[in-house]
Amino acid sequence: MLASIPRPYEVIRSLIINPATGKPIEEMTLMKHFEKELHQAQGSVDLLCAKSIKNKIKEGDNFAIGLWARNKFGWDRPGQTMTLPVPNANGDIGDENKIIIELVKAPKRDG
């Protein structure tokens, strides 16, 4: 988990205690025996989070849906626009048939 944040190898190795000596392992030992974990840490945590959010979205969790939408579509970034093509009566998609959505920040309510 620390490698996914990321934290320096010095911090990570200081938390892994060699049972034979009772002391933290050396950085070279960390690199030699935990190379795979160190290189895959970020991807593993990203996958875990993505699966968890996906499951919550399937359950209809509004917070997870909002989180995904804000990140996917940039809904929390005012000043951006989204353009969606819309087919005409013949089913053709052209430059003249589109919906433009401008993202704005909602004003705060009083009280």
C-alpha atoms as a PDB file:
ATOM      1  CA  MET A   1       0.000   0.000   0.000  1.00  0.00           C
ATOM      2  CA  LEU A   2       2.803   2.429   0.839  1.00  0.00           C
ATOM      3  CA  ALA A   3       4.397   1.933  -2.568  1.00  0.00           C
ATOM      4  CA  SER A   4       1.105   2.937  -4.222  1.00  0.00           C
ATOM      5  CA  ILE A   5       0.897   6.324  -2.442  1.00  0.00           C
ATOM      6  CA  PRO A   6       3.979   6.486  -3.228  1.00  0.00           C
ATOM      7  CA  ARG A   7       6.243   6.521  -0.192  1.00  0.00           C
ATOM      8  CA  PRO A   8      10.053   6.366  -0.344  1.00  0.00           C
ATOM      9  CA  TYR A   9      11.602   2.907  -0.252  1.00  0.00           C
ATOM     10  CA  GLU A  10      13.444   3.979   2.923  1.00  0.00           C
ATOM     11  CA  VAL A  11      10.099   4.311   4.719  1.00  0.00           C
ATOM     12  CA  ILE A  12       8.781   1.011   3.339  1.00  0.00           C
ATOM     13  CA  ARG A  13      11.881  -1.002   4.208  1.00  0.00           C
ATOM     14  CA  SER A  14      11.958   0.424   7.728  1.00  0.00           C
ATOM     15  CA  LEU A  15       8.579  -1.223   8.400  1.00  0.00           C
ATOM     16  CA  ILE A  16       9.596  -4.711   7.241  1.00  0.00           C
ATOM     17  CA  ILE A  17      11.365  -6.472  10.092  1.00  0.00           C
ATOM     18  CA  ASN A  18      13.764  -9.345   9.486  1.00  0.00           C
ATOM     19  CA  PRO A  19      12.688 -12.020  12.019  1.00  0.00           C
ATOM     20  CA  ALA A  20      16.245 -13.344  12.291  1.00  0.00           C
ATOM     21  CA  THR A  21      17.743  -9.995  13.350  1.00  0.00           C
ATOM     22  CA  GLY A  22      14.713  -8.103  14.654  1.00  0.00           C
ATOM     23  CA  LYS A  23      15.840  -5.128  12.550  1.00  0.00           C
ATOM     24  CA  PRO A  24      14.397  -3.538   9.395  1.00  0.00           C
ATOM     25  CA  ILE A  25      15.557  -5.018   6.111  1.00  0.00           C
ATOM     26  CA  GLU A  26      18.022  -3.157   3.897  1.00  0.00           C
ATOM     27  CA  GLU A  27      16.845  -1.300   0.781  1.00  0.00           C
ATOM     28  CA  MET A  28      18.682  -3.778  -1.488  1.00  0.00           C
ATOM     29  CA  THR A  29      16.761  -6.635   0.184  1.00  0.00           C
ATOM     30  CA  LEU A  30      13.503  -4.769  -0.375  1.00  0.00           C
ATOM     31  CA  MET A  31      14.325  -4.266  -4.056  1.00  0.00           C
ATOM     32  CA  LYS A  32      15.435  -7.877  -4.535  1.00  0.00           C
ATOM     33  CA  HIS A  33      12.589  -9.691  -2.783  1.00  0.00           C
ATOM     34  CA  PHE A  34       9.690  -7.266  -3.288  1.00  0.00           C
ATOM     35  CA  GLU A  35      10.431  -5.977  -6.799  1.00  0.00           C
ATOM     36  CA  LYS A  36       7.135  -7.221  -8.238  1.00  0.00           C
ATOM     37  CA  GLU A  37       5.057  -5.716  -5.415  1.00  0.00           C
ATOM     38  CA  LEU A  38       6.852  -2.377  -5.651  1.00  0.00           C
ATOM     39  CA  HIS A  39       6.305  -2.113  -9.410  1.00  0.00           C
ATOM     40  CA  GLN A  40       2.690  -3.307  -9.381  1.00  0.00           C
ATOM     41  CA  ALA A  41       1.559  -1.412  -6.274  1.00  0.00           C
ATOM     42  CA  GLN A  42      -0.158   1.525  -7.996  1.00  0.00           C
ATOM     43  CA  GLY A  43      -1.873  -0.657 -10.578  1.00  0.00           C
ATOM     44  CA  SER A  44      -3.095  -3.094  -7.921  1.00  0.00           C
ATOM     45  CA  VAL A  45      -4.660  -0.362  -5.795  1.00  0.00           C
ATOM     46  CA  ASP A  46      -6.163   1.347  -8.870  1.00  0.00           C
ATOM     47  CA  LEU A  47      -7.749  -1.963  -9.894  1.00  0.00           C
ATOM     48  CA  LEU A  48      -9.102  -2.580  -6.395  1.00  0.00           C
ATOM     49  CA  CYS A  49     -10.659   0.913  -6.271  1.00  0.00           C
ATOM     50  CA  ALA A  50     -12.103   0.621  -9.775  1.00  0.00           C
ATOM     51  CA  LYS A  51     -13.726  -2.726  -8.938  1.00  0.00           C
ATOM     52  CA  SER A  52     -15.166  -1.331  -5.712  1.00  0.00           C
ATOM     53  CA  ILE A  53     -16.612   1.747  -7.430  1.00  0.00           C
ATOM     54  CA  LYS A  54     -18.011  -0.449 -10.228  1.00  0.00           C
ATOM     55  CA  ASN A  55     -19.784  -2.664  -7.695  1.00  0.00           C
ATOM     56  CA  LYS A  56     -21.233   0.374  -5.906  1.00  0.00           C
ATOM     57  CA  ILE A  57     -22.459   1.812  -9.222  1.00  0.00           C
ATOM     58  CA  LYS A  58     -24.144  -1.526 -10.036  1.00  0.00           C
ATOM     59  CA  GLU A  59     -25.885  -1.334  -6.637  1.00  0.00           C
ATOM     60  CA  GLY A  60     -27.184   2.133  -7.551  1.00  0.00           C
ATOM     61  CA  ASP A  61     -25.094   4.012  -4.979  1.00  0.00           C
ATOM     62  CA  ASN A  62     -25.654   7.687  -5.838  1.00  0.00           C
ATOM     63  CA  PHE A  63     -22.354   8.828  -4.329  1.00  0.00           C
ATOM     64  CA  ALA A  64     -20.377   6.320  -6.440  1.00  0.00           C
ATOM     65  CA  ILE A  65     -22.330   7.300  -9.559  1.00  0.00           C
ATOM     66  CA  GLY A  66     -21.622  10.986  -8.898  1.00  0.00           C
ATOM     67  CA  LEU A  67     -17.945  10.289  -8.217  1.00  0.00           C
ATOM     68  CA  TRP A  68     -17.600   8.387 -11.485  1.00  0.00           C
ATOM     69  CA  ALA A  69     -19.497  11.015 -13.480  1.00  0.00           C
ATOM     70  CA  ARG A  70     -17.446  13.897 -12.070  1.00  0.00           C
ATOM     71  CA  ASN A  71     -14.197  12.156 -12.936  1.00  0.00           C
ATOM     72  CA  LYS A  72     -15.294  10.683 -16.259  1.00  0.00           C
ATOM     73  CA  PHE A  73     -17.021  13.779 -17.614  1.00  0.00           C
ATOM     74  CA  GLY A  74     -15.223  16.463 -15.632  1.00  0.00           C
ATOM     75  CA  TRP A  75     -18.475  17.637 -14.063  1.00  0.00           C
ATOM     76  CA  ASP A  76     -16.635  19.269 -11.188  1.00  0.00           C
ATOM     77  CA  ARG A  77     -14.568  21.436 -13.510  1.00  0.00           C
ATOM     78  CA  PRO A  78     -16.510  24.589 -14.413  1.00  0.00           C
ATOM     79  CA  GLY A  79     -15.870  26.268 -17.731  1.00  0.00           C
ATOM     80  CA  GLN A  80     -15.672  23.054 -19.737  1.00  0.00           C
ATOM     81  CA  THR A  81     -18.131  22.031 -22.396  1.00  0.00           C
ATOM     82  CA  MET A  82     -19.243  18.667 -23.708  1.00  0.00           C
ATOM     83  CA  THR A  83     -20.471  18.238 -27.278  1.00  0.00           C
ATOM     84  CA  LEU A  84     -22.614  15.212 -28.070  1.00  0.00           C
ATOM     85  CA  PRO A  85     -23.566  14.348 -31.661  1.00  0.00           C
ATOM     86  CA  VAL A  86     -27.272  13.779 -32.252  1.00  0.00           C
ATOM     87  CA  PRO A  87     -28.657  11.989 -35.312  1.00  0.00           C
ATOM     88  CA  ASN A  88     -31.157  13.848 -37.497  1.00  0.00           C
ATOM     89  CA  ALA A  89     -34.497  12.429 -38.676  1.00  0.00           C
ATOM     90  CA  ASN A  90     -32.656  10.209 -41.209  1.00  0.00           C
ATOM     91  CA  GLY A  91     -30.296   8.863 -38.547  1.00  0.00           C
ATOM     92  CA  ASP A  92     -27.349  10.810 -39.938  1.00  0.00           C
ATOM     93  CA  ILE A  93     -24.913  12.499 -37.593  1.00  0.00           C
ATOM     94  CA  GLY A  94     -23.640  15.801 -38.913  1.00  0.00           C
ATOM     95  CA  ASP A  95     -21.939  18.919 -37.595  1.00  0.00           C
ATOM     96  CA  GLU A  96     -25.249  20.777 -37.379  1.00  0.00           C
ATOM     97  CA  ASN A  97     -26.878  18.171 -35.098  1.00  0.00           C
ATOM     98  CA  LYS A  98     -25.321  18.333 -31.680  1.00  0.00           C
ATOM     99  CA  ILE A  99     -26.053  19.076 -28.068  1.00  0.00           C
ATOM    100  CA  ILE A 100     -23.606  21.350 -26.270  1.00  0.00           C
ATOM    101  CA  ILE A 101     -23.481  21.146 -22.489  1.00  0.00           C
ATOM    102  CA  GLU A 102     -21.619  23.860 -20.623  1.00  0.00           C
ATOM    103  CA  LEU A 103     -20.422  22.824 -17.190  1.00  0.00           C
ATOM    104  CA  VAL A 104     -20.939  25.474 -14.523  1.00  0.00           C
ATOM    105  CA  LYS A 105     -20.468  25.534 -10.784  1.00  0.00           C
ATOM    106  CA  ALA A 106     -23.722  25.796  -8.889  1.00  0.00           C
ATOM    107  CA  PRO A 107     -23.975  28.825  -6.604  1.00  0.00           C
ATOM    108  CA  LYS A 108     -24.027  28.201  -2.872  1.00  0.00           C
ATOM    109  CA  ARG A 109     -27.386  28.482  -1.219  1.00  0.00           C
ATOM    110  CA  ASP A 110     -27.973  30.980   1.555  1.00  0.00           C
ATOM    111  CA  GLY A 111     -28.792  29.482   4.950  1.00  0.00           C
END
